[in-house]
Amino acid sequence: MPVVNRIAEFSTDMAQWRQHLHQHPELGQDCHETAEFVAARLAEFGVDEIHRGIAKTGIVAIIYGQGEGPTIGLRADMDALPIVEATGLAYASATPGRMHACGHDGHTAMLLGAAKYLAETRNFAGRVALIFQPAEETGGGAELMVQEGVMERFDIARVFAMHNTPNAEEGSVMTAPGPVMAAVDAFHVHIRGQGGHGAAPHMTRDPIMAAVAIAQAIQTIVSRNSYALDDLVISVTQIHAGTTDNVIPDTAYINGTVRTFDPVVQQMVRDRLAQIVEGQGASFGVAAELVYEVGYPATVNDAKATEFAASIAREVVGDARVNANVTRKMGAEDFAYMLNARPGAYLFLGQGPSAGLHHPEYNFNDDVAPVGASLFARLVERAQPMAAR
């Protein structure tokens, strides 16, 4: 697999960095140890500036190239998930209930690899801003970093990121212009009835039956209210009610997720959810309240930046391993906020046979880290070539 020779030389270091991070996962914005590790490596590499404490534990490091030019941003996410690891690896999580089950440890190692190479060679004009972001899984760390002004403060002109893809060909690269990942919202339904004895249901206003009816009706939004060719996913993911077999409870709770690309479809879902919750609640004589939370927007790649990134991917991994028109995914990604602020592209890096993302047996494939680091490095060198002398 063609990678930058110098990056291939320290692939073992990258694996060690990644496995250390895997063993010490942190959640949300509280990536304190991770940030310390990243900052220490960056200092060793001799980057020019290290700015810490952005979005609480985020880091932006600056490397100066040779001569005047713009600043290109490269982003990696650092946070883990609240999952009990089941890999049995020697470097498995040392913190029970936390796990790098999405490969953010690998993403961070890849950006560190690119940083080491770029700090050594500086074969580019202008500057590169290395963005190490907390709280991708929850908390919208990318939005926080944008709100804290990273794009303006560091004069970032365009920005790129990548994510590993289990069960895609090892070392392959996938992307597409336009929307590549969905907007994600959450809904909560709080139902209050009147509980009582399970043997006398006629003396109650049963919130469980209302919850069942609401959950079933929600499923008709996709099948009966949405045009079949409009991408839409609505999943009820939690129903909680009751404590024992002979008591009808006072309350019930429903939670779920909505995935869309089109704001018109998104608004239709909000309207129908409100109508269903109100109507079904009234029909069962219970009070039913909908709380709708708008989450990450759709991740939309800039067409020119995507074409450029795909051309660099072909240079690194070969034409046959690049799909520049991949089918968009219903997953969500807070890198969307950075792409809303600056043109850029989000790429997917195949990691070969693997447990799926967010699975307790998932593990990042260290063999693809040099590919990702090479792609990051070449993006900088080709986007901002040095002037001829």
Protein backbone atom coordinates (compact mmCIF):
# COMPACT_ATOMS: atom_id res chain seq x y z
CA MET A 1 0.00 0.00 0.00
CA PRO A 2 1.76 3.23 -1.13
CA VAL A 3 2.39 5.62 1.74
CA VAL A 4 4.90 8.39 2.38
CA ASN A 5 8.18 6.62 3.06
CA ARG A 6 9.08 8.73 6.09
CA ILE A 7 5.66 8.13 7.63
CA ALA A 8 6.02 4.39 7.04
CA GLU A 9 9.29 4.51 8.98
CA PHE A 10 7.52 5.53 12.19
CA SER A 11 4.38 3.40 11.74
CA THR A 12 5.36 1.43 14.86
CA ASP A 13 5.38 4.68 16.85
CA MET A 14 1.91 5.50 15.55
CA ALA A 15 0.64 2.10 16.65
CA GLN A 16 2.12 2.64 20.11
CA TRP A 17 0.51 6.09 20.39
CA ARG A 18 -2.83 4.68 19.30
CA GLN A 19 -2.72 1.74 21.68
CA HIS A 20 -1.80 4.01 24.59
CA LEU A 21 -4.82 6.19 23.80
CA HIS A 22 -6.99 3.11 23.44
CA GLN A 23 -6.02 1.99 26.93
CA HIS A 24 -6.90 5.38 28.42
CA PRO A 25 -10.25 6.45 26.94
CA GLU A 26 -11.97 9.67 28.01
CA LEU A 27 -15.46 10.99 27.36
CA GLY A 28 -16.93 14.19 25.97
CA GLN A 29 -15.04 17.37 26.73
CA ASP A 30 -13.13 15.73 29.57
CA CYS A 31 -10.21 14.53 27.45
CA HIS A 32 -7.57 15.81 29.87
CA GLU A 33 -5.08 12.93 29.76
CA THR A 34 -5.55 12.57 26.02
CA ALA A 35 -4.81 16.26 25.51
CA GLU A 36 -1.71 15.99 27.72
CA PHE A 37 -0.46 13.06 25.64
CA VAL A 38 -1.15 14.85 22.36
CA ALA A 39 0.51 18.07 23.51
CA ALA A 40 3.59 16.20 24.70
CA ARG A 41 4.01 14.46 21.33
CA LEU A 42 3.51 17.74 19.45
CA ALA A 43 6.17 19.42 21.59
CA GLU A 44 8.56 16.54 20.81
CA PHE A 45 7.91 17.01 17.10
CA GLY A 46 8.79 20.68 17.30
CA VAL A 47 5.56 22.23 16.09
CA ASP A 48 5.61 26.02 16.22
CA GLU A 49 2.55 26.73 18.38
CA ILE A 50 0.37 24.68 20.71
CA HIS A 51 -2.90 26.29 21.80
CA ARG A 52 -4.75 24.40 24.52
CA GLY A 53 -8.03 24.63 26.41
CA ILE A 54 -10.27 25.16 23.37
CA ALA A 55 -13.70 23.63 23.97
CA LYS A 56 -12.23 22.75 27.39
CA THR A 57 -9.63 20.16 26.32
CA GLY A 58 -9.22 20.74 22.59
CA ILE A 59 -5.90 21.63 21.00
CA VAL A 60 -4.93 23.57 17.89
CA ALA A 61 -1.27 23.22 16.89
CA ILE A 62 0.34 25.34 14.17
CA ILE A 63 3.19 24.31 11.88
CA TYR A 64 4.73 26.95 9.64
CA GLY A 65 5.72 26.02 6.13
CA GLN A 66 8.19 27.79 3.88
CA GLY A 67 6.97 31.10 2.52
CA GLU A 68 3.67 32.92 2.56
CA GLY A 69 0.40 31.11 2.06
CA PRO A 70 -2.97 30.24 3.56
CA THR A 71 -3.72 28.01 6.53
CA ILE A 72 -5.21 24.56 5.98
CA GLY A 73 -6.97 22.79 8.86
CA LEU A 74 -6.78 19.07 9.61
CA ARG A 75 -9.08 17.71 12.31
CA ALA A 76 -9.07 14.55 14.46
CA ASP A 77 -11.55 13.69 17.21
CA MET A 78 -10.26 12.41 20.57
CA ASP A 79 -13.18 11.20 22.71
CA ALA A 80 -14.35 7.67 23.46
CA LEU A 81 -17.73 6.05 24.26
CA PRO A 82 -19.43 4.80 27.46
CA ILE A 83 -19.15 1.14 26.41
CA VAL A 84 -17.75 -1.89 28.26
CA GLU A 85 -14.93 -3.22 26.07
CA ALA A 86 -15.01 -6.89 25.06
CA THR A 87 -11.91 -7.17 22.86
CA GLY A 88 -9.65 -8.96 25.34
CA LEU A 89 -6.69 -7.03 23.96
CA ALA A 90 -3.52 -6.55 25.99
CA TYR A 91 -4.08 -2.81 25.63
CA ALA A 92 -7.84 -2.90 26.27
CA SER A 93 -9.41 -0.03 28.17
CA ALA A 94 -8.09 0.35 31.70
CA THR A 95 -11.21 2.32 32.65
CA PRO A 96 -14.31 0.14 33.10
CA GLY A 97 -17.30 1.38 31.13
CA ARG A 98 -15.27 3.46 28.69
CA MET A 99 -13.92 2.39 25.32
CA HIS A 100 -12.54 3.72 22.07
CA ALA A 101 -15.22 1.93 20.06
CA CYS A 102 -15.29 4.39 17.16
CA GLY A 103 -11.62 4.69 16.28
CA HIS A 104 -10.98 8.19 17.55
CA ASP A 105 -7.76 6.84 19.05
CA GLY A 106 -6.74 5.94 15.50
CA HIS A 107 -7.79 9.29 14.09
CA THR A 108 -5.68 11.07 16.70
CA ALA A 109 -2.69 8.82 15.98
CA MET A 110 -3.01 9.51 12.23
CA LEU A 111 -3.01 13.27 12.77
CA LEU A 112 -0.04 12.97 15.12
CA GLY A 113 1.76 11.00 12.41
CA ALA A 114 1.04 13.72 9.87
CA ALA A 115 2.19 16.33 12.39
CA LYS A 116 5.52 14.60 12.96
CA TYR A 117 6.17 14.39 9.22
CA LEU A 118 5.06 17.95 8.44
CA ALA A 119 7.10 19.41 11.30
CA GLU A 120 10.19 17.61 9.98
CA THR A 121 9.83 18.36 6.28
CA ARG A 122 7.85 21.64 6.06
CA ASN A 123 7.49 21.02 2.34
CA PHE A 124 4.59 23.44 1.98
CA ALA A 125 3.78 27.13 1.97
CA GLY A 126 1.69 28.95 4.57
CA ARG A 127 0.60 27.08 7.68
CA VAL A 128 -1.20 23.94 8.79
CA ALA A 129 -3.55 23.98 11.78
CA LEU A 130 -3.83 20.62 13.49
CA ILE A 131 -7.19 20.47 15.27
CA PHE A 132 -7.53 17.87 18.04
CA GLN A 133 -11.19 17.97 19.03
CA PRO A 134 -12.97 16.59 22.11
CA ALA A 135 -16.66 15.72 22.39
CA GLU A 136 -17.57 14.44 18.95
CA GLU A 137 -19.78 11.65 20.28
CA THR A 138 -21.70 13.93 22.62
CA GLY A 139 -21.49 17.62 23.29
CA GLY A 140 -20.74 18.92 19.80
CA GLY A 141 -17.08 19.71 20.35
CA ALA A 142 -16.70 20.90 16.76
CA GLU A 143 -19.48 23.43 17.25
CA LEU A 144 -17.86 24.63 20.46
CA MET A 145 -14.49 25.07 18.76
CA VAL A 146 -16.11 27.01 15.93
CA GLN A 147 -18.03 29.16 18.44
CA GLU A 148 -14.76 29.88 20.25
CA GLY A 149 -13.40 31.25 17.00
CA VAL A 150 -10.81 28.74 15.83
CA MET A 151 -11.46 29.43 12.15
CA GLU A 152 -10.96 33.18 12.54
CA ARG A 153 -8.28 33.03 15.22
CA PHE A 154 -6.05 30.77 13.13
CA ASP A 155 -7.19 32.11 9.76
CA ILE A 156 -8.14 28.65 8.49
CA ALA A 157 -9.13 28.75 4.81
CA ARG A 158 -10.31 25.15 4.36
CA VAL A 159 -10.56 22.09 6.55
CA PHE A 160 -10.43 18.32 6.17
CA ALA A 161 -11.11 15.27 8.34
CA MET A 162 -11.47 11.53 7.95
CA HIS A 163 -13.13 8.60 9.69
CA ASN A 164 -12.34 4.92 9.58
CA THR A 165 -14.89 2.56 8.00
CA PRO A 166 -15.05 -1.05 9.22
CA ASN A 167 -15.50 -3.76 6.59
CA ALA A 168 -14.53 -1.49 3.71
CA GLU A 169 -11.42 -2.53 1.78
CA GLU A 170 -8.32 -1.89 3.86
CA GLY A 171 -6.69 1.34 2.78
CA SER A 172 -9.51 2.41 0.47
CA VAL A 173 -10.80 6.00 0.53
CA MET A 174 -14.42 7.06 0.06
CA THR A 175 -16.05 10.46 -0.18
CA ALA A 176 -18.59 12.43 -2.23
CA PRO A 177 -19.49 16.03 -2.96
CA GLY A 178 -22.49 17.43 -1.12
CA PRO A 179 -24.20 15.71 1.83
CA VAL A 180 -22.31 12.64 3.08
CA MET A 181 -23.78 12.22 6.58
CA ALA A 182 -27.19 13.05 7.99
CA ALA A 183 -28.48 15.63 10.40
CA VAL A 184 -29.34 14.03 13.74
CA ASP A 185 -32.09 15.06 16.15
CA ALA A 186 -33.51 13.42 19.28
CA PHE A 187 -37.04 13.28 20.60
CA HIS A 188 -38.33 12.63 24.11
CA VAL A 189 -41.94 11.88 25.00
CA HIS A 190 -42.99 12.21 28.65
CA ILE A 191 -46.33 10.59 29.46
CA ARG A 192 -48.21 11.09 32.71
CA GLY A 193 -51.33 9.06 33.45
CA GLN A 194 -52.79 7.66 36.64
CA GLY A 195 -51.40 4.45 38.00
CA GLY A 196 -53.09 1.81 40.06
CA HIS A 197 -53.48 -1.91 40.69
CA GLY A 198 -52.77 -4.18 37.75
CA ALA A 199 -55.97 -6.09 38.57
CA ALA A 200 -58.10 -2.94 38.20
CA PRO A 201 -56.95 -1.25 34.98
CA HIS A 202 -60.35 0.43 34.60
CA MET A 203 -59.42 2.57 37.60
CA THR A 204 -56.28 3.90 35.87
CA ARG A 205 -55.20 5.98 32.87
CA ASP A 206 -52.54 3.63 31.61
CA PRO A 207 -49.38 5.40 30.32
CA ILE A 208 -47.94 2.13 29.01
CA MET A 209 -50.73 1.61 26.49
CA ALA A 210 -50.36 5.24 25.42
CA ALA A 211 -46.61 4.74 24.99
CA VAL A 212 -47.14 1.64 22.86
CA ALA A 213 -49.64 3.45 20.65
CA ILE A 214 -47.38 6.49 20.28
CA ALA A 215 -44.36 4.33 19.39
CA GLN A 216 -46.36 2.43 16.77
CA ALA A 217 -47.77 5.62 15.26
CA ILE A 218 -44.30 7.18 15.06
CA GLN A 219 -43.26 4.38 12.70
CA THR A 220 -45.90 5.48 10.20
CA ILE A 221 -44.17 8.83 9.62
CA VAL A 222 -41.58 7.20 7.35
CA SER A 223 -44.04 4.87 5.61
CA ARG A 224 -47.00 7.24 5.21
CA ASN A 225 -45.82 10.86 5.51
CA SER A 226 -42.45 10.85 3.74
CA TYR A 227 -41.78 10.54 0.00
CA ALA A 228 -40.11 7.18 -0.55
CA LEU A 229 -37.04 8.73 -2.23
CA ASP A 230 -36.38 11.21 0.59
CA ASP A 231 -33.79 9.80 2.99
CA LEU A 232 -35.34 9.54 6.45
CA VAL A 233 -34.78 7.36 9.50
CA ILE A 234 -36.83 7.52 12.70
CA SER A 235 -35.98 5.00 15.40
CA VAL A 236 -37.60 4.59 18.80
CA THR A 237 -34.67 3.53 20.96
CA GLN A 238 -36.00 3.63 24.54
CA ILE A 239 -39.29 2.96 26.31
CA HIS A 240 -39.28 3.03 30.12
CA ALA A 241 -42.25 2.40 32.37
CA GLY A 242 -43.23 0.42 35.41
CA THR A 243 -41.41 -1.45 38.15
CA THR A 244 -43.31 -4.68 38.82
CA ASP A 245 -45.96 -7.05 37.42
CA ASN A 246 -49.01 -5.98 39.44
CA VAL A 247 -48.76 -2.18 39.32
CA ILE A 248 -49.76 0.10 36.46
CA PRO A 249 -47.36 3.06 36.72
CA ASP A 250 -48.12 6.75 36.65
CA THR A 251 -45.59 7.60 33.94
CA ALA A 252 -43.85 6.35 30.84
CA TYR A 253 -41.01 7.68 28.70
CA ILE A 254 -40.11 7.28 25.03
CA ASN A 255 -36.85 8.34 23.37
CA GLY A 256 -35.60 8.10 19.82
CA THR A 257 -33.52 9.52 16.99
CA VAL A 258 -34.35 11.27 13.70
CA ARG A 259 -31.94 11.31 10.74
CA THR A 260 -32.57 13.62 7.75
CA PHE A 261 -30.83 15.57 5.00
CA ASP A 262 -33.59 17.95 3.92
CA PRO A 263 -34.75 20.69 6.36
CA VAL A 264 -38.27 20.39 4.89
CA VAL A 265 -38.36 16.69 5.81
CA GLN A 266 -36.94 17.50 9.22
CA GLN A 267 -39.73 20.02 9.89
CA MET A 268 -42.36 17.58 8.66
CA VAL A 269 -41.12 15.02 11.20
CA ARG A 270 -41.28 17.58 14.01
CA ASP A 271 -44.83 18.52 13.07
CA ARG A 272 -46.03 14.92 12.79
CA LEU A 273 -44.40 13.91 16.07
CA ALA A 274 -46.19 16.75 17.83
CA GLN A 275 -49.53 15.76 16.28
CA ILE A 276 -49.08 12.09 17.13
CA VAL A 277 -48.05 12.72 20.72
CA GLU A 278 -50.88 15.15 21.36
CA GLY A 279 -53.51 13.06 19.60
CA GLN A 280 -52.58 9.70 21.04
CA GLY A 281 -52.20 11.18 24.50
CA ALA A 282 -55.71 12.64 24.29
CA SER A 283 -57.16 9.35 23.05
CA PHE A 284 -55.81 7.52 26.10
CA GLY A 285 -56.66 10.27 28.57
CA VAL A 286 -53.04 10.93 29.54
CA ALA A 287 -50.84 14.02 29.43
CA ALA A 288 -48.17 13.54 26.76
CA GLU A 289 -45.38 16.07 26.18
CA LEU A 290 -42.94 16.08 23.26
CA VAL A 291 -39.44 17.50 23.69
CA TYR A 292 -37.61 17.74 20.35
CA GLU A 293 -33.85 18.39 20.36
CA VAL A 294 -32.19 19.60 17.17
CA GLY A 295 -28.71 18.08 16.95
CA TYR A 296 -25.83 18.07 14.50
CA PRO A 297 -26.66 19.35 10.99
CA ALA A 298 -25.95 17.32 7.86
CA THR A 299 -22.29 16.97 6.93
CA VAL A 300 -21.96 18.64 3.53
CA ASN A 301 -18.73 18.43 1.55
CA ASP A 302 -17.63 21.30 -0.67
CA ALA A 303 -17.54 20.07 -4.28
CA LYS A 304 -14.14 21.54 -5.20
CA ALA A 305 -12.51 20.47 -1.93
CA THR A 306 -13.89 16.97 -2.38
CA GLU A 307 -12.58 16.70 -5.93
CA PHE A 308 -9.18 17.87 -4.72
CA ALA A 309 -9.14 15.43 -1.77
CA ALA A 310 -10.14 12.55 -4.03
CA SER A 311 -7.26 13.37 -6.39
CA ILE A 312 -4.83 13.27 -3.46
CA ALA A 313 -6.33 9.98 -2.28
CA ARG A 314 -5.72 8.47 -5.72
CA GLU A 315 -2.11 9.58 -5.47
CA VAL A 316 -1.72 7.89 -2.07
CA VAL A 317 -3.73 4.67 -2.47
CA GLY A 318 -4.28 4.33 -6.23
CA ASP A 319 -7.29 4.86 -8.48
CA ALA A 320 -8.85 1.47 -7.78
CA ARG A 321 -9.11 2.16 -4.06
CA VAL A 322 -10.88 5.51 -4.32
CA ASN A 323 -14.66 5.98 -4.57
CA ALA A 324 -15.40 9.69 -4.98
CA ASN A 325 -19.17 9.22 -5.23
CA VAL A 326 -19.95 7.05 -2.23
CA THR A 327 -23.53 6.65 -1.07
CA ARG A 328 -24.30 9.02 1.77
CA LYS A 329 -24.73 7.61 5.26
CA MET A 330 -27.49 8.09 7.85
CA GLY A 331 -24.95 8.41 10.65
CA ALA A 332 -24.09 11.90 11.90
CA GLU A 333 -20.87 13.80 12.51
CA ASP A 334 -20.22 17.11 14.23
CA PHE A 335 -17.47 17.97 11.73
CA ALA A 336 -20.54 19.38 9.95
CA TYR A 337 -20.09 22.57 11.99
CA MET A 338 -16.56 23.07 10.69
CA LEU A 339 -17.73 22.47 7.11
CA ASN A 340 -20.48 25.04 7.66
CA ALA A 341 -17.80 27.51 8.69
CA ARG A 342 -15.22 26.74 5.98
CA PRO A 343 -15.11 24.77 2.71
CA GLY A 344 -13.60 21.33 3.02
CA ALA A 345 -14.28 17.62 2.85
CA TYR A 346 -14.90 14.62 5.06
CA LEU A 347 -13.31 11.34 3.96
CA PHE A 348 -13.81 7.72 4.92
CA LEU A 349 -10.83 5.36 5.26
CA GLY A 350 -11.45 1.61 4.89
CA GLN A 351 -9.98 -0.49 7.67
CA GLY A 352 -10.79 -4.00 6.44
CA PRO A 353 -12.71 -6.75 8.27
CA SER A 354 -13.79 -5.50 11.68
CA ALA A 355 -16.51 -5.33 14.27
CA GLY A 356 -18.74 -2.36 13.58
CA LEU A 357 -18.40 1.11 15.03
CA HIS A 358 -19.74 1.48 18.58
CA HIS A 359 -19.48 -2.29 19.10
CA PRO A 360 -17.73 -3.63 22.25
CA GLU A 361 -15.41 -5.80 20.12
CA TYR A 362 -14.36 -3.01 17.75
CA ASN A 363 -10.65 -2.16 17.40
CA PHE A 364 -8.95 0.29 15.04
CA ASN A 365 -6.64 -1.31 12.45
CA ASP A 366 -3.15 0.11 13.04
CA ASP A 367 -2.07 -0.93 9.54
CA VAL A 368 -4.16 1.85 7.98
CA ALA A 369 -2.79 4.63 10.19
CA PRO A 370 0.17 5.34 7.87
CA VAL A 371 -2.30 5.62 4.97
CA GLY A 372 -4.40 8.18 6.83
CA ALA A 373 -1.33 10.12 7.96
CA SER A 374 0.04 10.13 4.41
CA LEU A 375 -3.27 11.40 3.07
CA PHE A 376 -3.32 14.21 5.63
CA ALA A 377 0.27 15.15 4.79
CA ARG A 378 -0.21 15.09 1.03
CA LEU A 379 -3.36 17.22 1.34
CA VAL A 380 -1.22 19.94 2.89
CA GLU A 381 1.69 19.64 0.47
CA ARG A 382 -0.50 19.61 -2.65
CA ALA A 383 -2.92 22.28 -1.44
CA GLN A 384 -0.11 24.69 -0.53
CA PRO A 385 2.96 23.94 -2.66
CA MET A 386 6.09 25.98 -2.12
CA ALA A 387 6.89 28.60 -4.71
CA ALA A 388 9.45 27.60 -7.31
CA ARG A 389 12.94 28.91 -6.66
